Amino acid sequence: MELKKITTRVLAAGVAAATLFSVAACGSSSNSADTKDDGSEMTVDVFDSLANSQGVQKGWYAKLIKDKFNIKLNIIAPNVSGGDTVFDTRSAAGNLGDLVITSTGNGRLNKLVKAKLIEDMTPYYSSMKNVKKYDNAVKSITKEAGKDGVWGIPQAASSQSPTDPSEGIEPGSAPYIRWEYYKEVGYPEIKDLDSFLDVLKQMQDKARQETGQNDIYAFSLFKDWDSDVMQNAAAICSWYGYKQQGSLFIGPDGKDIQSATKEGGIYQKALAFLNKAESMGLVDPDSTTQDWDTMQTKVSNGKTLVSLWSWLGKPRMNSNENKAKGVGFMLAPLEDMDVYSDGFTPDGDGSYMIAIGSKAKNKARLAKFIDWLYSPEGIYASASNAGGAACPKDLGCFTTDSDGKNPKLTEFGNTAMNGDHANLKVPAKLGGGTYDDGLSKLNFKAVQQNDIDPNTGEAYNAQMWKSEQDDSALFKDWSAHMGNAKNDIDYLQTNNKLAVAAGASYTAPEEDSTISATRSSIKSATVQASWQSVTAKNDAAFTKTLKDLRTKVDELGYKSVLKVDQDNAKALVKAREAVIKEAK
């Protein structure tokens, strides 16, 4: 699954934000059923913390929801413009939006309820048949809100086991390499990270020799997504089963919880790996200054040999044409990896939800729209990843047998999922424009993509359909050298290299403003030192940079932040244990 951009999850905190919520509380919420809806066309303002583009929804998705609900979506995206200031300003005005897609963490949900900025959907809930299938997920939001009522519906709900990997056929973060160059250097053994770098040096030399281009690098990095730590290094920690939460890295079984500043810890191991890559000339020199957009363009142009994520390299390089020639990114056989995998979340991903704004008109119609998002039709239509995840049947993406089983991609659907979807034309009667133009701007994943469609009996994700198994030259060569694996997850599970963390819904409680201020200083210091360590000229400079960081964060008051993060990590581990027990 591709993420166009990682959304920043910095929440409004402190006295200023509290004041804004206090002002908003002067407004009122009807908390009652709507007056009669005349059915006329309605422009719906959507405050959307997950959206990566804003403005009026266009194209085939706009046509679909216009025909079904007679609504137009106008997306207000703080990620695009304004950041948290947009949230603060609209909250102070008492009207966040007609629909609200936002985080629940750090006490935000509780504040939204107290400030009467979102509506209790209880009057409409009995008719929300699709949402009610995930009733436990809805209850998790009620619990987080601290007040009875249906205040929001969490994203990423699921009907599958929390201990099964939710990614389907490929993990999110794992070592992916340009397989054709790995083949050309003789499929060398990759025992650990050190030998991985040796292999990558051979691959880089081969790629430059063949193309005559000396600007091809194993790694091309970027800073856009840095938060508590250097995000690119955190992705490498996932290759060994560790998930970042705040300033900590948590093993999937919860037995090992490490600080990012731990000497010799998993995060320092990732930084040391990147530093050695830098010293070997394997890191793009633009890495410290370029952004995501520049970096991903280089991946598309064949300038990068490693993809930190499956959804970065594969969608940009593994076209049908390339795969037929044996060209593209495939999972590397890193022998000591133990790749992190999120389990399915029966209670949903409680960190983000969709709600109805208290000042919205025609709330019953908006509740129907939300319910549709959780229906099979809505799930197929509303996926918004540019890799082509959205595959609605009404758009002509797939067909089924007469009994509704055995889904198969059409020529249009195959291009949407695997080909040049950016230039794929949509018929005027279905909305016109291109396929990509019409992708939902909401970027809200109601149900996990690899959950099962009750109508077909197969996953919503077309990559997992029986009819769509990869038979390209690239896949066949990869499989032949990976124990005849059916896909990436199959290889990892068969070889005990997949660390599944139970899919538990957990949202960190509101953080004290003093802790938030201290955390902000520690974030800056940690990220700055991380990049400095990656570009350090020798081992002594690398070691000194991280030693100085440990001293600095201690002086900044890291002990208090560490205590909060440790408590949150322990709570997450307990939530994982609880969801496993509940599923039995």
Protein backbone atom coordinates (compact mmCIF):
# COMPACT_ATOMS: atom_id res chain seq x y z
CA MET A 1 0.00 0.00 0.00
CA GLU A 2 1.43 3.38 -0.95
CA LEU A 3 1.35 6.45 1.19
CA LYS A 4 1.64 9.55 -0.91
CA LYS A 5 2.86 11.44 2.11
CA ILE A 6 3.14 10.61 5.77
CA THR A 7 0.75 12.81 7.67
CA THR A 8 2.19 14.80 10.53
CA ARG A 9 0.58 13.86 13.80
CA VAL A 10 1.61 16.83 15.88
CA LEU A 11 -1.48 17.69 17.91
CA ALA A 12 -2.48 21.10 19.28
CA ALA A 13 -1.46 21.32 22.91
CA GLY A 14 -0.88 23.77 25.73
CA VAL A 15 -2.76 26.79 26.96
CA ALA A 16 -3.45 28.27 23.53
CA ALA A 17 -5.13 25.15 22.21
CA ALA A 18 -7.06 24.71 25.44
CA THR A 19 -8.36 28.26 25.08
CA LEU A 20 -9.53 27.58 21.55
CA PHE A 21 -11.47 24.53 22.70
CA SER A 22 -12.96 26.59 25.52
CA VAL A 23 -14.22 29.15 23.03
CA ALA A 24 -15.60 26.42 20.79
CA ALA A 25 -17.50 24.97 23.72
CA CYS A 26 -19.75 28.02 23.65
CA GLY A 27 -21.34 26.52 20.52
CA SER A 28 -23.99 23.86 20.67
CA SER A 29 -24.69 20.43 19.23
CA SER A 30 -28.22 19.34 18.59
CA ASN A 31 -27.54 15.71 19.57
CA SER A 32 -30.88 14.91 18.02
CA ALA A 33 -32.22 13.56 14.76
CA ASP A 34 -32.21 15.82 11.72
CA THR A 35 -35.04 17.88 10.45
CA LYS A 36 -36.39 16.72 7.08
CA ASP A 37 -33.81 16.48 4.29
CA ASP A 38 -35.15 17.80 0.98
CA GLY A 39 -32.52 15.81 -0.92
CA SER A 40 -31.08 18.83 -2.73
CA GLU A 41 -27.43 18.95 -3.77
CA MET A 42 -25.17 19.57 -0.80
CA THR A 43 -21.55 20.72 -0.65
CA VAL A 44 -19.91 18.97 2.30
CA ASP A 45 -16.89 20.61 3.91
CA VAL A 46 -14.57 17.85 5.12
CA PHE A 47 -11.90 18.74 7.66
CA ASP A 48 -9.44 15.96 6.84
CA SER A 49 -6.20 15.46 8.76
CA LEU A 50 -5.28 12.55 6.47
CA ALA A 51 -5.81 14.26 3.11
CA ASN A 52 -2.82 15.11 0.93
CA SER A 53 -4.74 17.36 -1.47
CA GLN A 54 -7.54 19.82 -0.93
CA GLY A 55 -10.41 21.48 -2.73
CA VAL A 56 -13.46 20.02 -4.42
CA GLN A 57 -13.39 16.31 -5.23
CA LYS A 58 -13.44 15.73 -8.99
CA GLY A 59 -13.63 12.90 -11.50
CA TRP A 60 -15.19 9.48 -11.23
CA TYR A 61 -15.40 9.44 -7.41
CA ALA A 62 -17.19 12.77 -7.45
CA LYS A 63 -19.67 11.41 -10.02
CA LEU A 64 -20.22 8.25 -7.98
CA ILE A 65 -21.08 10.00 -4.71
CA LYS A 66 -23.09 12.70 -6.51
CA ASP A 67 -25.30 10.02 -8.02
CA LYS A 68 -25.66 8.12 -4.75
CA PHE A 69 -25.96 10.93 -2.20
CA ASN A 70 -26.25 14.18 -4.19
CA ILE A 71 -23.24 15.59 -2.38
CA LYS A 72 -19.99 17.29 -3.34
CA LEU A 73 -16.94 16.98 -1.13
CA ASN A 74 -14.82 20.05 -0.41
CA ILE A 75 -11.64 18.88 1.30
CA ILE A 76 -9.93 21.07 3.90
CA ALA A 77 -6.46 19.56 4.30
CA PRO A 78 -4.17 20.92 7.05
CA ASN A 79 -1.36 18.72 5.63
CA VAL A 80 -1.46 20.82 2.48
CA SER A 81 -1.87 24.25 3.99
CA GLY A 82 -1.97 25.68 7.49
CA GLY A 83 -1.10 22.68 9.64
CA ASP A 84 -2.50 22.69 13.17
CA THR A 85 -3.39 26.37 12.82
CA VAL A 86 -6.33 25.34 10.61
CA PHE A 87 -7.62 23.01 13.32
CA ASP A 88 -7.21 25.67 16.01
CA THR A 89 -8.87 28.42 14.00
CA ARG A 90 -11.87 26.37 12.91
CA SER A 91 -12.30 24.94 16.40
CA ALA A 92 -12.35 28.44 17.87
CA ALA A 93 -15.06 29.38 15.37
CA GLY A 94 -17.14 26.43 16.59
CA ASN A 95 -17.36 24.72 13.18
CA LEU A 96 -14.61 22.26 12.30
CA GLY A 97 -16.46 20.89 9.25
CA ASP A 98 -19.55 18.99 8.13
CA LEU A 99 -17.49 15.80 8.19
CA VAL A 100 -14.41 15.51 10.38
CA ILE A 101 -11.55 13.08 9.77
CA THR A 102 -8.98 13.58 12.47
CA SER A 103 -6.77 11.93 15.05
CA THR A 104 -8.17 10.89 18.40
CA GLY A 105 -4.89 10.88 20.32
CA ASN A 106 -3.49 13.19 22.96
CA GLY A 107 -7.03 13.83 24.27
CA ARG A 108 -8.25 15.37 21.02
CA LEU A 109 -11.40 13.22 20.79
CA ASN A 110 -12.40 14.01 24.35
CA LYS A 111 -11.92 17.71 23.63
CA LEU A 112 -14.00 17.54 20.47
CA VAL A 113 -16.86 16.01 22.42
CA LYS A 114 -16.64 18.48 25.30
CA ALA A 115 -16.43 21.42 22.91
CA LYS A 116 -19.50 20.11 21.03
CA LEU A 117 -17.68 20.20 17.72
CA ILE A 118 -18.86 16.74 16.64
CA GLU A 119 -22.30 15.13 16.68
CA ASP A 120 -23.52 12.07 18.53
CA MET A 121 -24.58 9.70 15.71
CA THR A 122 -26.72 7.51 17.98
CA PRO A 123 -30.01 8.61 16.28
CA TYR A 124 -28.69 7.25 12.97
CA TYR A 125 -26.67 4.28 14.18
CA SER A 126 -29.44 1.68 13.99
CA SER A 127 -29.66 2.21 10.21
CA MET A 128 -25.86 2.12 9.66
CA LYS A 129 -25.87 -1.58 8.76
CA ASN A 130 -22.35 -1.70 7.34
CA VAL A 131 -20.75 0.16 10.24
CA LYS A 132 -22.57 -2.03 12.77
CA LYS A 133 -20.58 -5.01 11.50
CA TYR A 134 -17.65 -3.38 13.30
CA ASP A 135 -19.53 -2.54 16.50
CA ASN A 136 -16.55 -3.27 18.74
CA ALA A 137 -14.52 -0.73 16.78
CA VAL A 138 -17.24 1.88 17.33
CA LYS A 139 -17.30 1.08 21.05
CA SER A 140 -13.55 1.67 21.23
CA ILE A 141 -14.15 5.26 20.07
CA THR A 142 -16.92 5.72 22.64
CA LYS A 143 -14.55 4.56 25.35
CA GLU A 144 -11.88 6.97 24.16
CA ALA A 145 -14.40 9.83 24.06
CA GLY A 146 -15.25 9.36 27.73
CA LYS A 147 -18.96 9.89 27.12
CA ASP A 148 -21.74 7.60 25.94
CA GLY A 149 -22.66 8.03 22.29
CA VAL A 150 -21.49 7.24 18.77
CA TRP A 151 -18.95 10.01 18.32
CA GLY A 152 -16.97 8.63 15.43
CA ILE A 153 -16.08 5.54 13.43
CA PRO A 154 -12.42 4.45 13.42
CA GLN A 155 -10.53 3.67 10.25
CA ALA A 156 -9.02 0.29 9.35
CA ALA A 157 -11.72 -1.89 10.91
CA SER A 158 -11.45 -5.61 10.21
CA SER A 159 -13.24 -8.94 10.58
CA GLN A 160 -9.98 -10.95 10.56
CA SER A 161 -7.76 -12.32 13.33
CA PRO A 162 -5.51 -9.76 15.07
CA THR A 163 -2.59 -12.20 14.92
CA ASP A 164 -2.69 -12.59 11.11
CA PRO A 165 -0.56 -10.19 9.04
CA SER A 166 -2.78 -7.46 7.64
CA GLU A 167 -0.51 -6.53 4.73
CA GLY A 168 -1.70 -9.33 2.45
CA ILE A 169 1.13 -10.28 0.09
CA GLU A 170 3.84 -7.80 1.09
CA PRO A 171 4.90 -6.06 4.32
CA GLY A 172 4.96 -2.30 4.49
CA SER A 173 8.60 -1.83 5.44
CA ALA A 174 11.20 -4.36 4.33
CA PRO A 175 14.43 -4.40 2.25
CA TYR A 176 13.42 -4.19 -1.42
CA ILE A 177 16.09 -4.16 -4.13
CA ARG A 178 16.34 -3.78 -7.89
CA TRP A 179 16.25 -7.50 -8.60
CA GLU A 180 17.72 -7.42 -12.11
CA TYR A 181 21.00 -5.98 -10.78
CA TYR A 182 21.03 -8.48 -7.92
CA LYS A 183 20.65 -11.19 -10.58
CA GLU A 184 23.45 -9.74 -12.68
CA VAL A 185 25.94 -9.84 -9.79
CA GLY A 186 25.14 -13.52 -9.25
CA TYR A 187 22.50 -13.62 -6.48
CA PRO A 188 25.10 -13.35 -3.68
CA GLU A 189 24.24 -14.43 -0.15
CA ILE A 190 23.09 -11.62 2.17
CA LYS A 191 23.73 -12.75 5.74
CA ASP A 192 23.36 -9.45 7.57
CA LEU A 193 23.43 -5.67 7.11
CA ASP A 194 27.20 -5.58 6.53
CA SER A 195 27.04 -8.13 3.73
CA PHE A 196 23.97 -6.34 2.38
CA LEU A 197 26.09 -3.22 1.86
CA ASP A 198 28.77 -5.25 0.09
CA VAL A 199 26.14 -6.63 -2.29
CA LEU A 200 24.66 -3.19 -2.85
CA LYS A 201 28.10 -1.84 -3.77
CA GLN A 202 28.37 -4.54 -6.45
CA MET A 203 24.87 -3.71 -7.69
CA GLN A 204 25.57 0.02 -7.80
CA ASP A 205 28.79 -0.52 -9.76
CA LYS A 206 26.95 -2.78 -12.20
CA ALA A 207 24.08 -0.31 -12.69
CA ARG A 208 26.43 2.59 -13.35
CA GLN A 209 28.53 0.53 -15.72
CA GLU A 210 25.51 -0.62 -17.76
CA THR A 211 23.75 2.75 -17.93
CA GLY A 212 26.75 5.07 -17.99
CA GLN A 213 25.01 7.10 -15.28
CA ASN A 214 27.04 7.89 -12.18
CA ASP A 215 24.10 9.38 -10.27
CA ILE A 216 22.60 5.98 -9.44
CA TYR A 217 22.79 5.24 -5.70
CA ALA A 218 21.73 2.35 -3.51
CA PHE A 219 19.95 4.73 -1.14
CA SER A 220 18.19 8.03 -1.63
CA LEU A 221 16.89 9.51 1.63
CA PHE A 222 14.77 12.50 2.65
CA LYS A 223 13.76 14.42 5.79
CA ASP A 224 10.05 15.19 5.26
CA TRP A 225 8.71 12.51 7.57
CA ASP A 226 11.06 12.96 10.53
CA SER A 227 9.24 13.19 13.86
CA ASP A 228 10.64 11.97 17.18
CA VAL A 229 13.42 10.29 15.20
CA MET A 230 14.88 10.12 11.69
CA GLN A 231 12.06 8.31 9.93
CA ASN A 232 14.19 6.59 7.25
CA ALA A 233 16.28 4.96 9.99
CA ALA A 234 13.12 3.97 11.86
CA ALA A 235 11.95 2.15 8.72
CA ILE A 236 15.11 0.03 8.83
CA CYS A 237 14.33 -0.84 12.47
CA SER A 238 11.12 -2.40 11.14
CA TRP A 239 13.26 -4.89 9.20
CA TYR A 240 14.07 -6.37 12.61
CA GLY A 241 10.60 -6.35 14.14
CA TYR A 242 10.67 -3.00 15.93
CA LYS A 243 7.88 -0.43 15.70
CA GLN A 244 8.46 3.19 16.65
CA GLN A 245 6.13 4.83 19.16
CA GLY A 246 7.20 8.26 20.35
CA SER A 247 10.86 8.10 21.34
CA LEU A 248 10.78 4.32 21.79
CA PHE A 249 11.04 1.20 19.65
CA ILE A 250 8.80 -1.69 20.67
CA GLY A 251 9.33 -5.32 19.75
CA PRO A 252 6.18 -7.11 18.52
CA ASP A 253 5.90 -9.31 21.61
CA GLY A 254 6.47 -6.33 23.90
CA LYS A 255 9.38 -7.96 25.70
CA ASP A 256 11.92 -5.47 24.42
CA ILE A 257 11.24 -1.72 24.58
CA GLN A 258 14.20 0.49 23.66
CA SER A 259 14.83 4.20 23.71
CA ALA A 260 16.02 5.76 20.47
CA THR A 261 19.06 6.96 22.40
CA LYS A 262 20.01 3.54 23.74
CA GLU A 263 23.68 2.86 23.11
CA GLY A 264 23.94 -0.17 20.84
CA GLY A 265 20.16 -0.31 20.43
CA ILE A 266 18.18 -1.06 17.30
CA TYR A 267 17.95 2.60 16.26
CA GLN A 268 21.71 3.11 16.61
CA LYS A 269 22.16 -0.08 14.57
CA ALA A 270 20.10 1.47 11.76
CA LEU A 271 22.05 4.72 11.91
CA ALA A 272 25.35 2.82 11.82
CA PHE A 273 24.12 0.93 8.75
CA LEU A 274 23.33 4.16 6.93
CA ASN A 275 26.61 5.72 8.05
CA LYS A 276 28.57 2.80 6.61
CA ALA A 277 26.53 3.08 3.41
CA GLU A 278 27.44 6.77 3.27
CA SER A 279 31.14 6.00 3.73
CA MET A 280 30.96 3.47 0.87
CA GLY A 281 29.44 6.05 -1.49
CA LEU A 282 26.05 4.32 -1.53
CA VAL A 283 23.93 7.27 -0.33
CA ASP A 284 22.61 9.97 -2.66
CA PRO A 285 24.37 13.23 -1.65
CA ASP A 286 21.06 15.08 -2.09
CA SER A 287 19.56 13.08 0.80
CA THR A 288 20.01 15.81 3.40
CA THR A 289 18.26 18.47 1.33
CA GLN A 290 15.70 16.78 -0.96
CA ASP A 291 12.04 16.13 -0.15
CA TRP A 292 9.79 13.11 -0.71
CA ASP A 293 8.63 14.27 -4.13
CA THR A 294 12.19 14.62 -5.44
CA MET A 295 13.24 11.29 -3.97
CA GLN A 296 10.30 9.29 -5.31
CA THR A 297 10.87 10.77 -8.78
CA LYS A 298 14.41 9.36 -8.66
CA VAL A 299 12.96 5.94 -7.81
CA SER A 300 10.68 6.20 -10.86
CA ASN A 301 13.66 7.19 -13.01
CA GLY A 302 15.74 4.21 -11.94
CA LYS A 303 18.23 6.18 -9.85
CA THR A 304 17.72 4.19 -6.64
CA LEU A 305 18.47 0.53 -5.95
CA VAL A 306 16.87 0.12 -2.51
CA SER A 307 13.29 0.84 -1.50
CA LEU A 308 12.68 1.04 2.25
CA TRP A 309 9.01 0.23 1.65
CA SER A 310 7.14 -2.07 -0.73
CA TRP A 311 4.77 0.78 -1.64
CA LEU A 312 7.62 3.05 -2.76
CA GLY A 313 9.61 1.01 -5.25
CA LYS A 314 7.10 -1.47 -6.64
CA PRO A 315 4.41 0.95 -7.86
CA ARG A 316 7.01 3.17 -9.54
CA MET A 317 9.15 0.53 -11.21
CA ASN A 318 7.23 -2.76 -11.43
CA SER A 319 5.04 -2.05 -14.43
CA ASN A 320 3.84 -5.01 -16.49
CA GLU A 321 6.30 -4.02 -19.20
CA ASN A 322 9.24 -3.92 -16.80
CA LYS A 323 8.27 -7.14 -15.03
CA ALA A 324 8.11 -8.94 -18.36
CA LYS A 325 11.77 -7.95 -18.84
CA GLY A 326 12.70 -9.06 -15.33
CA VAL A 327 13.07 -5.46 -14.13
CA GLY A 328 11.79 -4.15 -10.81
CA PHE A 329 11.96 -4.11 -7.02
CA MET A 330 11.63 -7.38 -5.12
CA LEU A 331 12.18 -8.46 -1.52
CA ALA A 332 15.83 -9.12 -0.73
CA PRO A 333 16.86 -12.41 0.96
CA LEU A 334 18.34 -10.74 4.04
CA GLU A 335 18.97 -13.78 6.23
CA ASP A 336 18.78 -12.18 9.68
CA MET A 337 15.71 -10.01 9.09
CA ASP A 338 12.57 -10.41 11.22
CA VAL A 339 10.19 -8.05 9.45
CA TYR A 340 7.59 -6.17 11.46
CA SER A 341 3.98 -6.77 10.48
CA ASP A 342 0.79 -5.22 11.83
CA GLY A 343 -1.95 -7.70 12.61
CA PHE A 344 -5.53 -7.02 11.56
CA THR A 345 -7.37 -4.56 13.83
CA PRO A 346 -10.84 -5.86 14.79
CA ASP A 347 -11.31 -2.71 16.88
CA GLY A 348 -10.08 -0.48 14.06
CA ASP A 349 -7.13 1.85 14.08
CA GLY A 350 -8.36 4.08 16.87
CA SER A 351 -5.80 6.77 16.09
CA TYR A 352 -8.00 8.23 13.33
CA MET A 353 -11.77 8.41 12.91
CA ILE A 354 -14.53 9.97 10.83
CA ALA A 355 -17.28 11.97 12.53
CA ILE A 356 -20.13 14.35 11.73
CA GLY A 357 -19.64 18.01 12.60
CA SER A 358 -22.15 19.46 15.03
CA LYS A 359 -23.10 22.34 12.69
CA ALA A 360 -23.65 20.12 9.65
CA LYS A 361 -26.97 20.07 7.82
CA ASN A 362 -28.71 16.88 6.71
CA LYS A 363 -26.83 14.76 9.24
CA ALA A 364 -28.84 11.64 8.39
CA ARG A 365 -27.55 11.85 4.80
CA LEU A 366 -23.99 12.25 6.03
CA ALA A 367 -24.46 9.21 8.27
CA LYS A 368 -25.56 7.23 5.20
CA PHE A 369 -22.43 8.36 3.36
CA ILE A 370 -20.23 7.26 6.27
CA ASP A 371 -22.01 3.91 6.37
CA TRP A 372 -21.42 3.49 2.64
CA LEU A 373 -17.67 3.97 3.16
CA TYR A 374 -17.76 0.72 5.17
CA SER A 375 -19.74 -1.21 2.53
CA PRO A 376 -18.01 -3.38 -0.08
CA GLU A 377 -18.88 -0.83 -2.77
CA GLY A 378 -17.51 2.03 -0.68
CA ILE A 379 -14.36 0.11 0.23
CA TYR A 380 -13.52 -0.65 -3.40
CA ALA A 381 -14.25 2.93 -4.46
CA SER A 382 -12.70 4.97 -1.66
CA ALA A 383 -9.16 3.64 -1.48
CA SER A 384 -7.00 6.57 -2.54
CA ASN A 385 -3.49 5.23 -3.02
CA ALA A 386 -1.96 6.25 -6.33
CA GLY A 387 -0.65 2.74 -6.81
CA GLY A 388 -4.14 1.92 -8.02
CA ALA A 389 -5.74 0.42 -4.91
CA ALA A 390 -9.20 1.82 -5.69
CA CYS A 391 -10.96 -0.65 -7.94
CA PRO A 392 -14.74 -0.08 -8.04
CA LYS A 393 -16.78 -2.55 -10.05
CA ASP A 394 -19.07 0.23 -11.32
CA LEU A 395 -16.04 1.90 -12.90
CA GLY A 396 -15.42 -1.26 -14.88
CA CYS A 397 -12.38 -2.33 -12.90
CA PHE A 398 -13.38 -5.95 -12.40
CA THR A 399 -15.96 -8.57 -13.19
CA THR A 400 -17.23 -11.63 -11.32
CA ASP A 401 -18.95 -14.86 -12.21
CA SER A 402 -22.74 -14.90 -12.21
CA ASP A 403 -22.76 -15.88 -8.54
CA GLY A 404 -20.62 -12.87 -7.62
CA LYS A 405 -17.52 -14.97 -6.97
CA ASN A 406 -14.09 -15.20 -8.65
CA PRO A 407 -13.29 -11.50 -9.20
CA LYS A 408 -11.12 -10.74 -12.23
CA LEU A 409 -9.57 -7.46 -13.34
CA THR A 410 -10.68 -6.06 -16.67
CA GLU A 411 -8.20 -4.45 -19.05
CA PHE A 412 -9.14 -1.10 -17.50
CA GLY A 413 -8.72 -2.50 -13.99
CA ASN A 414 -5.38 -4.06 -14.77
CA THR A 415 -4.06 -0.71 -15.99
CA ALA A 416 -5.51 1.01 -12.92
CA MET A 417 -3.85 -1.47 -10.58
CA ASN A 418 -0.61 -2.27 -12.39
CA GLY A 419 -0.03 0.01 -15.37
CA ASP A 420 0.03 3.66 -16.39
CA HIS A 421 -2.93 4.62 -14.20
CA ALA A 422 -1.92 8.30 -14.20
CA ASN A 423 -2.90 8.57 -17.87
CA LEU A 424 -5.78 6.08 -17.83
CA LYS A 425 -8.85 7.80 -19.29
CA VAL A 426 -12.26 7.44 -17.64
CA PRO A 427 -15.39 7.59 -19.86
CA ALA A 428 -17.27 10.90 -19.64
CA LYS A 429 -20.45 9.14 -18.48
CA LEU A 430 -18.51 7.88 -15.44
CA GLY A 431 -16.95 11.25 -14.56
CA GLY A 432 -14.30 11.79 -17.23
CA GLY A 433 -10.69 12.83 -16.69
CA THR A 434 -8.08 10.27 -15.70
CA TYR A 435 -8.23 7.48 -13.17
CA ASP A 436 -5.78 9.27 -10.86
CA ASP A 437 -7.72 12.55 -11.15
CA GLY A 438 -10.77 10.80 -9.74
CA LEU A 439 -9.17 9.01 -6.79
CA SER A 440 -10.82 9.88 -3.49
CA LYS A 441 -9.16 12.81 -1.77
CA LEU A 442 -10.34 11.60 1.64
CA ASN A 443 -7.37 9.24 2.12
CA PHE A 444 -9.52 7.51 4.75
CA LYS A 445 -9.18 3.73 4.95
CA ALA A 446 -12.52 2.64 6.44
CA VAL A 447 -11.78 -1.10 6.35
CA GLN A 448 -8.40 -2.75 5.99
CA GLN A 449 -7.69 -3.42 2.33
CA ASN A 450 -6.87 -7.07 2.88
CA ASP A 451 -10.07 -7.78 4.78
CA ILE A 452 -12.48 -10.18 3.08
CA ASP A 453 -15.32 -9.05 0.83
CA PRO A 454 -18.30 -11.17 1.98
CA ASN A 455 -19.70 -11.12 -1.56
CA THR A 456 -16.68 -12.60 -3.36
CA GLY A 457 -15.09 -14.46 -0.45
CA GLU A 458 -11.73 -12.91 -1.40
CA ALA A 459 -9.83 -9.86 -0.20
CA TYR A 460 -10.71 -6.36 -1.34
CA ASN A 461 -7.10 -6.09 -2.46
CA ALA A 462 -6.96 -7.32 -6.07
CA GLN A 463 -3.31 -8.35 -5.62
CA MET A 464 -4.57 -11.20 -3.46
CA TRP A 465 -7.19 -12.54 -5.89
CA LYS A 466 -6.69 -16.05 -7.20
CA SER A 467 -7.12 -14.73 -10.73
CA GLU A 468 -4.36 -12.13 -10.36
CA GLN A 469 -1.36 -14.14 -9.27
CA ASP A 470 1.86 -12.72 -10.72
CA ASP A 471 3.34 -14.84 -13.53
CA SER A 472 5.83 -12.30 -14.87
CA ALA A 473 9.46 -13.10 -15.65
CA LEU A 474 10.51 -10.93 -12.70
CA PHE A 475 8.32 -12.78 -10.20
CA LYS A 476 9.23 -16.22 -11.53
CA ASP A 477 12.95 -15.51 -11.20
CA TRP A 478 12.49 -14.08 -7.71
CA SER A 479 10.37 -17.04 -6.59
CA ALA A 480 12.84 -19.56 -7.98
CA HIS A 481 15.55 -18.04 -5.77
CA MET A 482 13.28 -17.66 -2.73
CA GLY A 483 12.18 -21.24 -2.17
CA ASN A 484 9.32 -21.02 -4.69
CA ALA A 485 7.54 -18.50 -2.46
CA LYS A 486 4.08 -17.41 -3.60
CA ASN A 487 4.65 -13.83 -2.43
CA ASP A 488 6.67 -11.79 0.07
CA ILE A 489 4.54 -12.64 3.12
CA ASP A 490 4.61 -16.34 2.18
CA TYR A 491 8.43 -16.23 2.00
CA LEU A 492 8.72 -14.45 5.35
CA GLN A 493 6.25 -16.72 7.14
CA THR A 494 7.72 -19.91 5.70
CA ASN A 495 11.21 -18.88 6.80
CA ASN A 496 10.19 -17.52 10.23
CA LYS A 497 11.17 -14.00 9.27
CA LEU A 498 7.86 -12.25 10.03
CA ALA A 499 7.15 -10.65 13.40
CA VAL A 500 3.41 -10.01 13.68
CA ALA A 501 2.29 -7.52 16.32
CA ALA A 502 -1.32 -8.12 17.31
CA GLY A 503 -3.64 -5.53 15.80
CA ALA A 504 -4.73 -3.57 18.84
CA SER A 505 -6.43 -0.21 18.89
CA TYR A 506 -4.55 2.07 21.25
CA THR A 507 -4.49 5.84 21.47
CA ALA A 508 -2.08 7.64 23.77
CA PRO A 509 -3.79 9.85 26.39
CA GLU A 510 -3.50 13.61 26.43
CA GLU A 511 0.00 14.81 27.12
CA ASP A 512 0.86 17.53 29.60
CA SER A 513 1.90 20.78 27.89
CA THR A 514 5.22 20.78 29.75
CA ILE A 515 5.99 17.28 28.48
CA SER A 516 5.03 18.33 24.94
CA ALA A 517 7.35 21.32 25.07
CA THR A 518 10.20 19.16 26.37
CA ARG A 519 9.48 16.53 23.74
CA SER A 520 9.69 19.15 20.99
CA SER A 521 13.21 20.10 22.04
CA ILE A 522 14.27 16.46 22.30
CA LYS A 523 12.82 15.68 18.86
CA SER A 524 14.88 18.43 17.27
CA ALA A 525 18.05 17.32 18.99
CA THR A 526 17.50 13.64 18.15
CA VAL A 527 16.71 14.20 14.48
CA GLN A 528 19.61 16.62 14.00
CA ALA A 529 22.08 14.25 15.67
CA SER A 530 20.72 11.30 13.68
CA TRP A 531 21.46 12.97 10.36
CA GLN A 532 24.84 14.11 11.63
CA SER A 533 25.69 10.56 12.63
CA VAL A 534 24.71 9.24 9.20
CA THR A 535 27.04 11.71 7.50
CA ALA A 536 29.85 11.37 10.10
CA LYS A 537 33.26 10.96 8.44
CA ASN A 538 34.54 8.17 10.67
CA ASP A 539 33.57 5.81 13.50
CA ALA A 540 34.91 8.17 16.17
CA ALA A 541 32.76 11.05 14.91
CA PHE A 542 29.73 8.75 14.70
CA THR A 543 30.17 7.54 18.28
CA LYS A 544 30.79 11.05 19.63
CA THR A 545 27.69 12.45 17.91
CA LEU A 546 25.40 9.93 19.57
CA LYS A 547 27.18 10.19 22.92
CA ASP A 548 26.71 13.97 22.85
CA LEU A 549 23.04 13.42 21.99
CA ARG A 550 22.50 11.26 25.07
CA THR A 551 24.04 13.95 27.25
CA LYS A 552 22.01 16.71 25.60
CA VAL A 553 18.61 15.02 25.88
CA ASP A 554 19.27 14.24 29.53
CA GLU A 555 19.96 17.92 30.11
CA LEU A 556 16.75 18.82 28.25
CA GLY A 557 14.71 16.66 30.64
CA TYR A 558 14.30 13.45 28.64
CA LYS A 559 13.66 11.48 31.82
CA SER A 560 10.14 12.92 32.09
CA VAL A 561 9.35 12.25 28.42
CA LEU A 562 10.80 8.74 28.67
CA LYS A 563 8.47 7.95 31.58
CA VAL A 564 5.43 9.00 29.53
CA ASP A 565 6.55 7.02 26.49
CA GLN A 566 7.29 3.94 28.58
CA ASP A 567 3.84 4.07 30.16
CA ASN A 568 2.25 4.41 26.73
CA ALA A 569 4.33 1.52 25.38
CA LYS A 570 3.29 -0.72 28.26
CA ALA A 571 -0.35 0.23 27.66
CA LEU A 572 0.00 -0.69 23.97
CA VAL A 573 1.48 -4.06 24.89
CA LYS A 574 -1.45 -4.70 27.26
CA ALA A 575 -3.88 -3.74 24.50
CA ARG A 576 -2.21 -6.25 22.20
CA GLU A 577 -2.51 -8.95 24.85
CA ALA A 578 -6.16 -8.09 25.41
CA VAL A 579 -7.12 -8.23 21.74
CA ILE A 580 -5.44 -11.65 21.41
CA LYS A 581 -7.37 -12.92 24.43
CA GLU A 582 -10.62 -11.49 23.09
CA ALA A 583 -10.11 -13.18 19.72
CA LYS A 584 -9.70 -16.66 21.22
